[in-house]
């Protein structure tokens, strides 16, 4: 016992890593294992122990597979590539300008916009009968009625790809902004400009390579997400056939056991597809690095390249922000629309009837969504603080890579196995199971938000407290946590927003019995009643915005502690 006590005295938070791994990584690998067994015909719960490759044969012979894979790869690589181009070009042209500060202030609210409600609002915006068509009709188009165009849910998934690219470009810009703090970007840029380089070219030559190395993992996470997106694909993507991840979900939902076995195969294949895609992207990085080395180092200070990059960056970031604002406006307008006939730009009659009619259901959905999100973000914040106190958050810590596992592994690949795990523990269909499943995706974001402020805390403060006899736990509770009150509140708000937007984890862990605002918004997106969809999706959008607003408007005592 003495060695244990001595180790605990040296690091009383040493238990944080094993506990976090058990809560964080354990369900993912158990979920993958639970999905892998049925893919080979093994179903111990049903007494089936005979190895079979029939599910793989059925999967590869499905007539819809070829087109589904084509859609998946088009959306995944296309959306990621466009997002990377927009992200780097926009920061290159805006860095150091007043507009850059404005864009930075808009990033957090834009990222708090859940994917599901963004997709619903964007569908209302770009549909043939949407707001854009109404604003330009009939005076510019001659359309006296909505045109017969397939924009939303088009067979080539162009709307899904572009929408996802705009949404993810904002995430990437935020990651780039965070990475800029790790290098002396301002000084490097001034040195390059003193040699006559144009600002955008200087940024792309000097800053971009260093930044890309730091945001490589987030880009891989973007690629994995784009290849396996489900909620936005259901709202904006084609249905006959859909991309692979939504098709896998459809197979999981079927009562036919053969289809469910095919779904397990598809889930494992989705994981292999993501791994192959990341390796291919990595190979593409090396090819691009060799291809641009000459043009970037030929000594040319100014030219057409930075002008093109500037135009792409300005247009791309503007479209991303306008799409976000327009989607929110669409949700709000439709939720209060009474009579709205074509081609009116605004409803002829406004009404709050749908809000009143759905009041009881809305209260239940808000309560359930908020409780799950608060619990998941609180647990994630506590685990993150304990892990950081144990010294796991150092920049070169090998444990940091593990944080990206839930973001790199497709949700559809392991959530079915997680559902089986909760079923064995008699927890499936409960809020406890949903909360613990959300925790897998909330913890990485909370940890990443907290790690930089925690490392920036002056270590001499804790040393002084310890020299006065305070224990590590007392130092943490009485000194560090008050000093980090605002970053902790921000991390909890980000975690709350991440939890609110979870669709597949809620669907699987809830076993169809736990409805939240996200699952309801996706279910209503393709329905005939846009008013009800607007009410649910706007409320879904409002929750994370309110969490961030509470942090930004919190009493000044959160900030005064840092003095």
Protein backbone atom coordinates (compact mmCIF):
# COMPACT_ATOMS: atom_id res chain seq x y z
CA UNK A 1 0.00 0.00 0.00
CA UNK A 2 2.88 2.39 0.67
CA UNK A 3 3.97 2.64 -2.99
CA UNK A 4 0.36 3.35 -3.94
CA UNK A 5 0.07 6.04 -1.28
CA UNK A 6 3.39 7.54 -2.34
CA UNK A 7 2.31 7.62 -5.97
CA UNK A 8 -1.00 9.18 -5.00
CA UNK A 9 0.80 11.80 -2.93
CA UNK A 10 3.00 12.69 -5.89
CA UNK A 11 0.08 12.81 -8.33
CA UNK A 12 -3.36 12.56 -6.69
CA UNK A 13 -4.95 12.88 -10.14
CA UNK A 14 -3.20 9.86 -11.63
CA UNK A 15 -6.54 8.04 -11.71
CA UNK A 16 -7.90 10.56 -14.23
CA UNK A 17 -6.30 8.96 -17.29
CA UNK A 18 -7.47 5.36 -16.63
CA UNK A 19 -10.98 6.57 -15.83
CA UNK A 20 -11.12 8.78 -18.92
CA UNK A 21 -9.86 5.97 -21.14
CA UNK A 22 -12.45 3.61 -19.67
CA UNK A 23 -15.29 6.08 -20.22
CA UNK A 24 -13.94 7.49 -23.46
CA UNK A 25 -12.15 4.82 -25.47
CA UNK A 26 -13.69 1.67 -23.98
CA UNK A 27 -17.16 2.09 -25.51
CA UNK A 28 -15.66 2.90 -28.93
CA UNK A 29 -13.61 -0.30 -29.17
CA UNK A 30 -16.37 -2.39 -27.61
CA UNK A 31 -18.76 -0.79 -30.10
CA UNK A 32 -16.49 -1.65 -33.03
CA UNK A 33 -16.22 -5.22 -31.74
CA UNK A 34 -20.01 -5.41 -31.35
CA UNK A 35 -20.44 -4.24 -34.94
CA UNK A 36 -17.72 -6.53 -36.30
CA UNK A 37 -19.22 -9.79 -35.01
CA UNK A 38 -22.56 -9.55 -36.91
CA UNK A 39 -20.63 -8.60 -40.05
CA UNK A 40 -19.36 -12.19 -40.05
CA UNK A 41 -22.67 -13.75 -39.07
CA UNK A 42 -21.77 -14.07 -35.39
CA UNK A 43 -24.68 -13.12 -33.13
CA UNK A 44 -24.06 -14.55 -29.65
CA UNK A 45 -27.21 -12.97 -28.25
CA UNK A 46 -29.27 -14.97 -30.77
CA UNK A 47 -27.24 -18.15 -30.36
CA UNK A 48 -25.55 -17.83 -33.76
CA UNK A 49 -21.87 -18.79 -33.60
CA UNK A 50 -21.29 -19.92 -37.19
CA UNK A 51 -18.78 -17.84 -39.14
CA UNK A 52 -20.22 -16.66 -42.45
CA UNK A 53 -19.16 -14.34 -45.25
CA UNK A 54 -22.66 -14.19 -46.71
CA UNK A 55 -23.27 -10.65 -45.32
CA UNK A 56 -20.18 -9.43 -47.21
CA UNK A 57 -21.34 -11.17 -50.38
CA UNK A 58 -24.80 -9.61 -50.07
CA UNK A 59 -23.30 -6.19 -49.36
CA UNK A 60 -20.98 -6.11 -52.37
CA UNK A 61 -23.76 -7.41 -54.63
CA UNK A 62 -26.28 -4.77 -53.61
CA UNK A 63 -27.27 -2.88 -56.80
CA UNK A 64 -27.24 0.51 -55.05
CA UNK A 65 -23.74 0.16 -53.63
CA UNK A 66 -21.76 1.53 -56.58
CA UNK A 67 -23.67 4.79 -56.81
CA UNK A 68 -23.80 5.13 -53.02
CA UNK A 69 -20.01 4.86 -52.84
CA UNK A 70 -19.61 7.38 -55.64
CA UNK A 71 -21.83 9.85 -53.76
CA UNK A 72 -19.95 9.20 -50.52
CA UNK A 73 -16.53 9.84 -52.05
CA UNK A 74 -17.75 12.88 -54.00
CA UNK A 75 -19.26 14.50 -50.93
CA UNK A 76 -16.38 13.55 -48.62
CA UNK A 77 -13.43 14.65 -50.73
CA UNK A 78 -15.28 17.50 -52.44
CA UNK A 79 -16.58 19.12 -49.26
CA UNK A 80 -13.24 18.75 -47.46
CA UNK A 81 -11.20 20.14 -50.35
CA UNK A 82 -13.52 23.13 -50.80
CA UNK A 83 -13.51 23.80 -47.04
CA UNK A 84 -9.69 23.70 -46.91
CA UNK A 85 -9.41 26.08 -49.87
CA UNK A 86 -11.93 28.52 -48.37
CA UNK A 87 -10.38 28.30 -44.90
CA UNK A 88 -6.78 28.98 -45.91
CA UNK A 89 -7.57 31.53 -48.63
CA UNK A 90 -9.91 33.52 -46.38
CA UNK A 91 -7.39 33.73 -43.53
CA UNK A 92 -4.60 34.55 -46.01
CA UNK A 93 -6.46 37.56 -47.38
CA UNK A 94 -8.06 38.75 -44.12
CA UNK A 95 -5.27 38.20 -41.59
CA UNK A 96 -4.25 41.43 -39.91
CA UNK A 97 -7.26 43.39 -41.19
CA UNK A 98 -10.27 44.77 -39.35
CA UNK A 99 -12.48 42.30 -41.22
CA UNK A 100 -10.49 39.45 -39.70
CA UNK A 101 -11.52 40.56 -36.23
CA UNK A 102 -15.17 40.68 -37.31
CA UNK A 103 -14.97 37.18 -38.80
CA UNK A 104 -13.33 35.84 -35.63
CA UNK A 105 -16.15 37.24 -33.51
CA UNK A 106 -18.72 35.47 -35.71
CA UNK A 107 -17.03 32.07 -35.72
CA UNK A 108 -18.21 30.79 -32.34
CA UNK A 109 -21.92 31.56 -32.96
CA UNK A 110 -21.67 30.09 -36.46
CA UNK A 111 -20.07 26.91 -35.15
CA UNK A 112 -22.74 26.60 -32.46
CA UNK A 113 -25.25 26.22 -35.29
CA UNK A 114 -26.15 22.48 -35.21
CA UNK A 115 -25.68 20.62 -38.48
CA UNK A 116 -29.29 19.43 -38.50
CA UNK A 117 -30.88 22.86 -38.11
CA UNK A 118 -28.34 24.37 -40.54
CA UNK A 119 -29.41 21.80 -43.13
CA UNK A 120 -33.12 22.43 -42.52
CA UNK A 121 -32.73 26.20 -42.75
CA UNK A 122 -30.55 25.95 -45.84
CA UNK A 123 -33.09 23.66 -47.50
CA UNK A 124 -35.76 26.32 -46.89
CA UNK A 125 -33.37 28.89 -48.37
CA UNK A 126 -32.24 27.20 -51.60
CA UNK A 127 -35.25 25.02 -52.48
CA UNK A 128 -37.14 25.84 -55.72
CA UNK A 129 -39.83 27.39 -53.53
CA UNK A 130 -37.28 28.79 -51.08
CA UNK A 131 -36.47 32.33 -50.09
CA UNK A 132 -33.81 32.94 -52.74
CA UNK A 133 -36.21 31.96 -55.54
CA UNK A 134 -38.92 34.13 -53.98
CA UNK A 135 -36.65 37.17 -53.75
CA UNK A 136 -35.83 37.07 -57.48
CA UNK A 137 -39.25 36.02 -58.78
CA UNK A 138 -41.00 36.82 -60.97
CA UNK A 139 -39.21 40.08 -61.86
CA UNK A 140 -35.83 38.41 -62.61
CA UNK A 141 -36.81 34.84 -63.44
CA UNK A 142 -40.31 35.06 -64.87
CA UNK A 143 -41.38 32.23 -62.57
CA UNK A 144 -45.08 32.55 -61.72
CA UNK A 145 -44.85 29.34 -59.73
CA UNK A 146 -41.99 27.40 -58.12
CA UNK A 147 -39.76 25.95 -60.86
CA UNK A 148 -39.52 22.21 -61.38
CA UNK A 149 -35.86 22.00 -60.37
CA UNK A 150 -34.20 19.38 -58.20
CA UNK A 151 -31.91 21.50 -56.03
CA UNK A 152 -32.37 19.98 -52.59
CA UNK A 153 -31.76 16.20 -52.52
CA UNK A 154 -30.38 16.27 -56.06
CA UNK A 155 -29.19 12.87 -57.35
CA UNK A 156 -25.52 13.93 -57.49
CA UNK A 157 -25.50 15.31 -53.91
CA UNK A 158 -24.13 18.68 -55.07
CA UNK A 159 -26.29 20.59 -52.57
CA UNK A 160 -25.08 18.34 -49.75
CA UNK A 161 -21.43 18.71 -50.75
CA UNK A 162 -21.51 22.51 -51.03
CA UNK A 163 -23.55 22.96 -47.85
CA UNK A 164 -21.18 20.75 -45.89
CA UNK A 165 -18.17 22.60 -47.34
CA UNK A 166 -19.55 25.97 -46.21
CA UNK A 167 -20.32 24.64 -42.73
CA UNK A 168 -16.95 22.97 -42.25
CA UNK A 169 -14.99 25.92 -43.63
CA UNK A 170 -15.99 27.93 -40.55
CA UNK A 171 -14.73 25.13 -38.30
CA UNK A 172 -11.43 25.09 -40.16
CA UNK A 173 -11.02 28.87 -39.92
CA UNK A 174 -11.44 28.57 -36.15
CA UNK A 175 -8.79 25.83 -36.05
CA UNK A 176 -6.45 27.99 -38.15
CA UNK A 177 -6.96 30.94 -35.81
CA UNK A 178 -6.07 28.71 -32.87
CA UNK A 179 -2.97 27.43 -34.66
CA UNK A 180 -1.81 30.98 -35.40
CA UNK A 181 -1.39 31.47 -31.67
CA UNK A 182 1.25 28.72 -31.63
CA UNK A 183 3.54 30.52 -34.10
CA UNK A 184 4.80 34.08 -34.33
CA UNK A 185 2.61 34.76 -37.35
CA UNK A 186 2.65 38.55 -37.17
CA UNK A 187 6.44 38.82 -37.04
CA UNK A 188 6.95 36.26 -39.82
CA UNK A 189 4.43 38.01 -42.02
CA UNK A 190 6.04 41.42 -41.48
CA UNK A 191 9.44 39.99 -42.41
CA UNK A 192 8.05 38.52 -45.64
CA UNK A 193 6.26 41.74 -46.53
CA UNK A 194 9.44 43.74 -45.91
CA UNK A 195 10.96 41.71 -48.75
CA UNK A 196 8.25 42.90 -51.10
CA UNK A 197 5.84 39.95 -50.94
CA UNK A 198 2.14 40.68 -51.26
CA UNK A 199 0.26 39.98 -47.98
CA UNK A 200 -1.70 36.97 -49.25
CA UNK A 201 1.33 35.43 -51.00
CA UNK A 202 3.47 36.01 -47.92
CA UNK A 203 0.87 34.27 -45.74
CA UNK A 204 0.55 31.30 -48.09
CA UNK A 205 4.33 30.88 -48.43
CA UNK A 206 5.47 31.48 -44.85
CA UNK A 207 2.51 30.87 -42.53
CA UNK A 208 0.29 28.31 -44.29
CA UNK A 209 2.77 25.38 -44.21
CA UNK A 210 3.32 25.80 -40.47
CA UNK A 211 -0.39 26.17 -39.79
CA UNK A 212 -1.34 23.18 -41.92
CA UNK A 213 0.95 20.94 -39.90
CA UNK A 214 -0.97 21.92 -36.77
CA UNK A 215 -4.47 21.57 -38.24
CA UNK A 216 -3.79 18.29 -40.06
CA UNK A 217 -5.73 16.20 -37.53
CA UNK A 218 -8.78 18.50 -37.59
CA UNK A 219 -8.74 18.27 -41.40
CA UNK A 220 -8.67 14.48 -41.18
CA UNK A 221 -11.60 14.70 -38.76
CA UNK A 222 -13.44 16.89 -41.29
CA UNK A 223 -12.80 14.32 -44.01
CA UNK A 224 -14.04 11.48 -41.82
CA UNK A 225 -17.15 13.45 -40.91
CA UNK A 226 -17.90 14.40 -44.52
CA UNK A 227 -17.56 10.77 -45.63
CA UNK A 228 -19.96 9.54 -42.95
CA UNK A 229 -22.37 12.45 -42.39
CA UNK A 230 -25.94 11.32 -41.72
CA UNK A 231 -28.17 14.15 -40.46
CA UNK A 232 -27.32 16.64 -43.21
CA UNK A 233 -27.41 13.82 -45.78
CA UNK A 234 -30.96 12.91 -44.76
CA UNK A 235 -32.10 16.52 -45.17
CA UNK A 236 -30.10 17.64 -48.23
CA UNK A 237 -28.81 14.46 -49.86
CA UNK A 238 -30.40 12.10 -52.38
CA UNK A 239 -32.54 9.20 -51.21
CA UNK A 240 -32.40 6.71 -54.10
CA UNK A 241 -29.75 5.76 -53.29
CA UNK A 242 -28.33 7.83 -50.43
CA UNK A 243 -24.64 7.99 -49.50
CA UNK A 244 -23.26 4.99 -47.64
CA UNK A 245 -23.78 6.17 -44.05
CA UNK A 246 -27.52 7.01 -44.40
CA UNK A 247 -28.02 3.78 -46.36
CA UNK A 248 -26.35 1.86 -43.52
CA UNK A 249 -28.72 3.51 -41.05
CA UNK A 250 -31.70 2.48 -43.20
CA UNK A 251 -30.48 -1.13 -43.17
CA UNK A 252 -30.02 -1.06 -39.38
CA UNK A 253 -33.65 0.07 -39.03
CA UNK A 254 -35.08 -2.75 -41.13
CA UNK A 255 -36.65 -5.77 -39.43
CA UNK A 256 -35.04 -8.16 -41.90
CA UNK A 257 -32.09 -9.80 -40.12
CA UNK A 258 -30.26 -10.16 -43.43
CA UNK A 259 -30.38 -6.40 -43.96
CA UNK A 260 -29.13 -5.81 -40.42
CA UNK A 261 -26.15 -8.08 -41.06
CA UNK A 262 -25.47 -6.11 -44.25
CA UNK A 263 -25.64 -2.95 -42.15
CA UNK A 264 -22.88 -4.29 -39.89
CA UNK A 265 -20.77 -5.00 -42.98
CA UNK A 266 -21.47 -1.51 -44.31
CA UNK A 267 -20.50 0.02 -40.95
CA UNK A 268 -17.15 -1.78 -40.95
CA UNK A 269 -16.63 -0.94 -44.62
CA UNK A 270 -17.32 2.72 -43.77
CA UNK A 271 -14.45 2.61 -41.28
CA UNK A 272 -12.13 1.04 -43.86
CA UNK A 273 -13.24 3.66 -46.37
CA UNK A 274 -12.37 6.49 -43.99
CA UNK A 275 -8.96 4.97 -43.22
CA UNK A 276 -8.23 4.64 -46.93
CA UNK A 277 -9.46 8.17 -47.59
CA UNK A 278 -7.21 9.64 -44.89
CA UNK A 279 -4.21 7.76 -46.31
CA UNK A 280 -5.09 8.98 -49.80
CA UNK A 281 -5.42 12.55 -48.51
CA UNK A 282 -2.03 12.21 -46.84
CA UNK A 283 -0.54 11.05 -50.14
CA UNK A 284 -2.19 14.04 -51.82
CA UNK A 285 -0.53 16.34 -49.28
CA UNK A 286 2.89 15.05 -50.29
CA UNK A 287 2.10 15.43 -53.99
CA UNK A 288 0.85 19.00 -53.51
CA UNK A 289 3.89 19.82 -51.39
CA UNK A 290 6.20 18.77 -54.21
CA UNK A 291 4.07 20.47 -56.88
CA UNK A 292 3.90 23.90 -55.23
CA UNK A 293 7.44 24.05 -53.89
CA UNK A 294 8.80 25.49 -57.12
CA UNK A 295 6.11 28.13 -57.78
CA UNK A 296 6.19 29.29 -54.15
CA UNK A 297 9.96 29.67 -54.01
CA UNK A 298 10.63 31.17 -57.44
CA UNK A 299 11.14 34.63 -55.95
CA UNK A 300 8.01 36.18 -57.49
CA UNK A 301 6.67 38.70 -54.97
CA UNK A 302 3.32 39.49 -56.55
CA UNK A 303 1.11 37.98 -59.22
CA UNK A 304 -2.20 36.47 -60.13
CA UNK A 305 -2.08 33.67 -57.52
CA UNK A 306 -2.76 35.89 -54.53
CA UNK A 307 -5.52 37.72 -56.39
CA UNK A 308 -7.28 34.42 -57.11
CA UNK A 309 -6.74 33.27 -53.52
CA UNK A 310 -8.10 36.57 -52.26
CA UNK A 311 -11.22 36.33 -54.38
CA UNK A 312 -11.86 32.72 -53.40
CA UNK A 313 -11.30 33.51 -49.73
CA UNK A 314 -13.58 36.56 -49.65
CA UNK A 315 -16.38 34.88 -51.61
CA UNK A 316 -16.10 31.60 -49.71
CA UNK A 317 -16.15 33.01 -46.18
CA UNK A 318 -18.91 35.45 -47.14
CA UNK A 319 -21.05 32.62 -48.53
CA UNK A 320 -20.46 30.55 -45.39
CA UNK A 321 -21.53 33.37 -43.07
CA UNK A 322 -24.45 34.46 -45.28
CA UNK A 323 -25.66 30.85 -45.53
CA UNK A 324 -25.60 30.55 -41.73
CA UNK A 325 -27.48 33.82 -41.18
CA UNK A 326 -29.92 33.06 -44.00
CA UNK A 327 -30.66 29.60 -42.61
CA UNK A 328 -31.43 31.05 -39.17
CA UNK A 329 -33.71 33.69 -40.70
CA UNK A 330 -35.53 31.00 -42.67
CA UNK A 331 -36.19 28.94 -39.56
CA UNK A 332 -37.45 31.99 -37.68
CA UNK A 333 -39.69 33.23 -40.51
CA UNK A 334 -41.23 29.83 -41.21
CA UNK A 335 -41.93 29.27 -37.51
CA UNK A 336 -44.12 32.41 -37.48
CA UNK A 337 -45.51 32.11 -41.01
CA UNK A 338 -49.28 32.07 -41.33
CA UNK A 339 -50.19 32.44 -44.99
CA UNK A 340 -47.22 32.55 -47.35
CA UNK A 341 -48.10 32.16 -51.00
CA UNK A 342 -45.72 32.25 -53.96
CA UNK A 343 -43.83 34.44 -54.79
CA UNK A 344 -44.13 36.60 -51.69
CA UNK A 345 -40.78 37.45 -50.12
CA UNK A 346 -42.44 37.47 -46.69
CA UNK A 347 -45.57 35.81 -45.31
CA UNK A 348 -48.83 37.62 -46.04
CA UNK A 349 -49.96 36.73 -42.53
CA UNK A 350 -47.89 36.13 -39.42
CA UNK A 351 -48.97 33.75 -36.68
CA UNK A 352 -47.62 32.20 -33.49
CA UNK A 353 -50.17 29.39 -33.68
CA UNK A 354 -47.58 26.70 -34.36
CA UNK A 355 -45.54 27.74 -31.31
CA UNK A 356 -48.67 27.55 -29.15
CA UNK A 357 -49.83 24.26 -30.67
CA UNK A 358 -46.48 22.55 -30.15
CA UNK A 359 -45.86 24.09 -26.73
CA UNK A 360 -46.13 20.94 -24.58
CA UNK A 361 -44.05 18.83 -26.96
CA UNK A 362 -41.50 21.61 -27.32
CA UNK A 363 -41.06 21.99 -23.56
CA UNK A 364 -40.45 18.24 -23.20
CA UNK A 365 -37.93 18.20 -26.06
CA UNK A 366 -36.09 21.26 -24.72
CA UNK A 367 -35.94 19.84 -21.20
CA UNK A 368 -34.68 16.46 -22.38
CA UNK A 369 -32.12 17.96 -24.78
CA UNK A 370 -30.83 20.45 -22.20
CA UNK A 371 -30.53 17.92 -19.36
CA UNK A 372 -28.53 15.52 -21.52
CA UNK A 373 -26.29 18.33 -22.81
CA UNK A 374 -25.69 19.83 -19.35
CA UNK A 375 -24.82 16.44 -17.87
CA UNK A 376 -22.51 15.46 -20.74
CA UNK A 377 -20.69 18.81 -20.76
CA UNK A 378 -20.32 18.86 -16.95
CA UNK A 379 -18.84 15.34 -16.85
CA UNK A 380 -16.57 16.14 -19.80
CA UNK A 381 -15.34 19.35 -18.16
CA UNK A 382 -14.57 17.57 -14.88
CA UNK A 383 -12.66 14.79 -16.67
CA UNK A 384 -10.76 17.33 -18.77
CA UNK A 385 -9.71 19.34 -15.71
CA UNK A 386 -8.51 16.25 -13.86
CA UNK A 387 -6.58 15.00 -16.91
CA UNK A 388 -4.95 18.39 -17.39
CA UNK A 389 -4.03 18.49 -13.72
CA UNK A 390 -2.46 15.05 -14.13
CA UNK A 391 -0.21 16.51 -16.85
CA UNK A 392 -1.84 14.86 -19.86
CA UNK A 393 -2.45 18.10 -21.71
CA UNK A 394 1.15 18.88 -22.62
CA UNK A 395 1.60 19.69 -26.33
CA UNK A 396 3.80 16.63 -26.96
CA UNK A 397 1.71 14.22 -24.90
CA UNK A 398 0.95 11.05 -26.86
CA UNK A 399 -2.47 10.95 -25.21
CA UNK A 400 -3.63 14.01 -27.13
CA UNK A 401 -3.98 11.94 -30.32
CA UNK A 402 -6.52 9.72 -28.55
CA UNK A 403 -8.82 12.73 -28.25
CA UNK A 404 -9.39 12.63 -31.99
CA UNK A 405 -10.44 8.96 -32.07
CA UNK A 406 -14.20 9.66 -31.82
CA UNK A 407 -13.81 12.39 -34.44
CA UNK A 408 -11.86 10.17 -36.85
CA UNK A 409 -13.87 6.96 -36.46
CA UNK A 410 -17.23 7.16 -38.28
CA UNK A 411 -20.10 7.21 -35.81
CA UNK A 412 -22.08 4.68 -37.82
CA UNK A 413 -19.16 2.21 -37.50
CA UNK A 414 -19.36 1.73 -33.74
CA UNK A 415 -22.64 3.13 -32.42
CA UNK A 416 -24.55 -0.05 -33.28
CA UNK A 417 -22.09 -1.96 -31.10
CA UNK A 418 -22.45 0.67 -28.37
CA UNK A 419 -26.21 0.16 -28.53
CA UNK A 420 -25.67 -3.58 -27.98
CA UNK A 421 -23.43 -2.73 -25.01
CA UNK A 422 -26.11 -0.55 -23.42
CA UNK A 423 -28.63 -3.31 -24.10
CA UNK A 424 -26.50 -5.83 -22.23
CA UNK A 425 -26.25 -3.38 -19.32
CA UNK A 426 -30.03 -2.74 -19.37
CA UNK A 427 -29.37 0.93 -20.16
CA UNK A 428 -30.50 1.23 -23.79
CA UNK A 429 -33.35 3.64 -24.31
CA UNK A 430 -32.43 5.67 -21.20
CA UNK A 431 -31.14 9.19 -20.78
CA UNK A 432 -28.13 7.77 -18.95
CA UNK A 433 -27.08 5.83 -22.06
CA UNK A 434 -27.64 8.86 -24.30
CA UNK A 435 -25.62 11.10 -21.97
CA UNK A 436 -22.69 8.68 -21.77
CA UNK A 437 -22.72 8.25 -25.55
CA UNK A 438 -22.75 12.03 -26.07
CA UNK A 439 -19.78 12.21 -23.71
CA UNK A 440 -17.64 10.42 -26.31
CA UNK A 441 -18.02 13.37 -28.68
CA UNK A 442 -18.22 16.21 -26.16
CA UNK A 443 -14.99 15.42 -24.29
CA UNK A 444 -12.59 16.07 -27.22
CA UNK A 445 -13.97 19.57 -27.82
CA UNK A 446 -14.03 20.45 -24.12
CA UNK A 447 -10.46 19.23 -23.67
CA UNK A 448 -9.19 21.15 -26.69
CA UNK A 449 -10.89 24.35 -25.51
CA UNK A 450 -9.46 24.04 -21.99
CA UNK A 451 -5.95 22.83 -22.76
CA UNK A 452 -4.46 26.10 -24.02
CA UNK A 453 -5.76 28.32 -21.15
CA UNK A 454 -4.69 25.66 -18.66
CA UNK A 455 -1.15 25.49 -20.06
CA UNK A 456 -0.99 29.30 -20.17
CA UNK A 457 -1.68 29.54 -16.43
CA UNK A 458 1.42 30.81 -14.61
CA UNK A 459 2.84 27.75 -12.80
CA UNK A 460 4.38 29.99 -10.12
CA UNK A 461 0.90 30.57 -8.70
CA UNK A 462 0.42 26.89 -7.91
CA UNK A 463 4.02 26.60 -6.66
CA UNK A 464 3.43 29.48 -4.25
CA UNK A 465 0.24 27.87 -2.97
CA UNK A 466 1.95 24.50 -2.49
CA UNK A 467 4.84 26.17 -0.63
CA UNK A 468 2.29 27.57 1.81
CA UNK A 469 1.05 24.07 2.60
CA UNK A 470 -1.93 23.79 0.25
CA UNK A 471 -2.55 20.35 -1.23
CA UNK A 472 -2.82 19.86 -5.00
CA UNK A 473 -6.56 19.36 -4.68
CA UNK A 474 -6.97 22.53 -2.60
CA UNK A 475 -4.76 24.45 -5.04
CA UNK A 476 -6.92 23.25 -7.91
CA UNK A 477 -10.25 24.06 -6.26
CA UNK A 478 -9.35 27.34 -4.54
CA UNK A 479 -6.90 28.87 -7.03
CA UNK A 480 -6.77 27.31 -10.49
CA UNK A 481 -10.49 26.81 -11.10
CA UNK A 482 -11.38 30.43 -10.10
CA UNK A 483 -8.59 31.72 -12.34
CA UNK A 484 -9.91 29.58 -15.21
CA UNK A 485 -13.57 30.34 -14.55
CA UNK A 486 -14.25 31.90 -17.94
CA UNK A 487 -12.38 29.27 -20.03
CA UNK A 488 -14.18 26.56 -18.06
CA UNK A 489 -17.53 28.23 -18.71
CA UNK A 490 -16.65 28.55 -22.40
CA UNK A 491 -15.65 24.89 -22.58
CA UNK A 492 -18.93 23.86 -20.97
CA UNK A 493 -20.87 26.02 -23.44
CA UNK A 494 -19.01 24.44 -26.38
CA UNK A 495 -19.65 20.99 -24.93
CA UNK A 496 -23.31 21.86 -24.49
CA UNK A 497 -23.53 22.93 -28.14
CA UNK A 498 -21.82 19.74 -29.33
CA UNK A 499 -24.19 17.56 -27.31
CA UNK A 500 -27.29 19.41 -28.48
CA UNK A 501 -26.39 18.72 -32.11
CA UNK A 502 -25.80 14.95 -31.78
CA UNK A 503 -28.11 12.93 -34.04
CA UNK A 504 -26.81 9.37 -34.50
CA UNK A 505 -25.64 8.93 -30.87
CA UNK A 506 -29.10 9.92 -29.67
CA UNK A 507 -30.78 7.66 -32.19
CA UNK A 508 -28.77 4.55 -31.28
CA UNK A 509 -28.33 5.00 -27.52
CA UNK A 510 -31.92 6.18 -27.16
CA UNK A 511 -33.20 3.11 -29.06
CA UNK A 512 -35.95 5.24 -30.57
CA UNK A 513 -37.36 6.06 -27.12
CA UNK A 514 -35.45 9.27 -26.36
CA UNK A 515 -36.46 12.04 -28.74
CA UNK A 516 -34.49 15.29 -28.69
CA UNK A 517 -34.73 18.49 -30.69
CA UNK A 518 -32.14 17.16 -33.16
CA UNK A 519 -33.85 13.85 -33.90
CA UNK A 520 -37.19 15.63 -34.20
CA UNK A 521 -35.79 18.31 -36.54
CA UNK A 522 -34.33 15.69 -38.90
CA UNK A 523 -37.57 13.69 -38.83
CA UNK A 524 -39.63 16.78 -39.73
CA UNK A 525 -37.22 18.14 -42.37
CA UNK A 526 -38.72 16.21 -45.27
CA UNK A 527 -42.30 16.60 -44.05
CA UNK A 528 -44.97 18.83 -45.50
CA UNK A 529 -45.26 21.20 -42.53
CA UNK A 530 -42.41 23.69 -42.75
CA UNK A 531 -43.89 25.70 -39.88
CA UNK A 532 -43.47 22.90 -37.36
CA UNK A 533 -40.02 22.08 -38.73
CA UNK A 534 -39.13 25.76 -38.36
CA UNK A 535 -40.28 25.82 -34.73
CA UNK A 536 -38.28 22.73 -33.77
CA UNK A 537 -35.15 23.61 -35.76
CA UNK A 538 -35.10 27.24 -34.57
CA UNK A 539 -35.39 26.10 -30.95
CA UNK A 540 -32.57 23.64 -31.59
CA UNK A 541 -30.47 26.54 -32.90
CA UNK A 542 -31.39 28.81 -30.00
CA UNK A 543 -30.18 26.46 -27.24
CA UNK A 544 -26.43 26.51 -28.03
CA UNK A 545 -26.61 30.22 -28.89
CA UNK A 546 -28.11 30.89 -25.46
CA UNK A 547 -25.33 28.88 -23.79
CA UNK A 548 -22.63 30.94 -25.54
CA UNK A 549 -24.51 34.15 -24.81
CA UNK A 550 -24.65 33.32 -21.10
CA UNK A 551 -20.88 32.90 -21.06
CA UNK A 552 -20.21 36.14 -22.95
CA UNK A 553 -22.67 38.09 -20.81
CA UNK A 554 -21.64 36.49 -17.52
CA UNK A 555 -20.88 38.82 -14.59
CA UNK A 556 -17.48 40.45 -14.69
CA UNK A 557 -16.40 38.44 -11.66
CA UNK A 558 -15.53 35.59 -14.08
CA UNK A 559 -13.05 37.89 -15.74
CA UNK A 560 -11.89 39.73 -12.61
CA UNK A 561 -10.47 36.50 -11.18
CA UNK A 562 -7.68 36.66 -13.74
CA UNK A 563 -6.49 39.92 -12.22
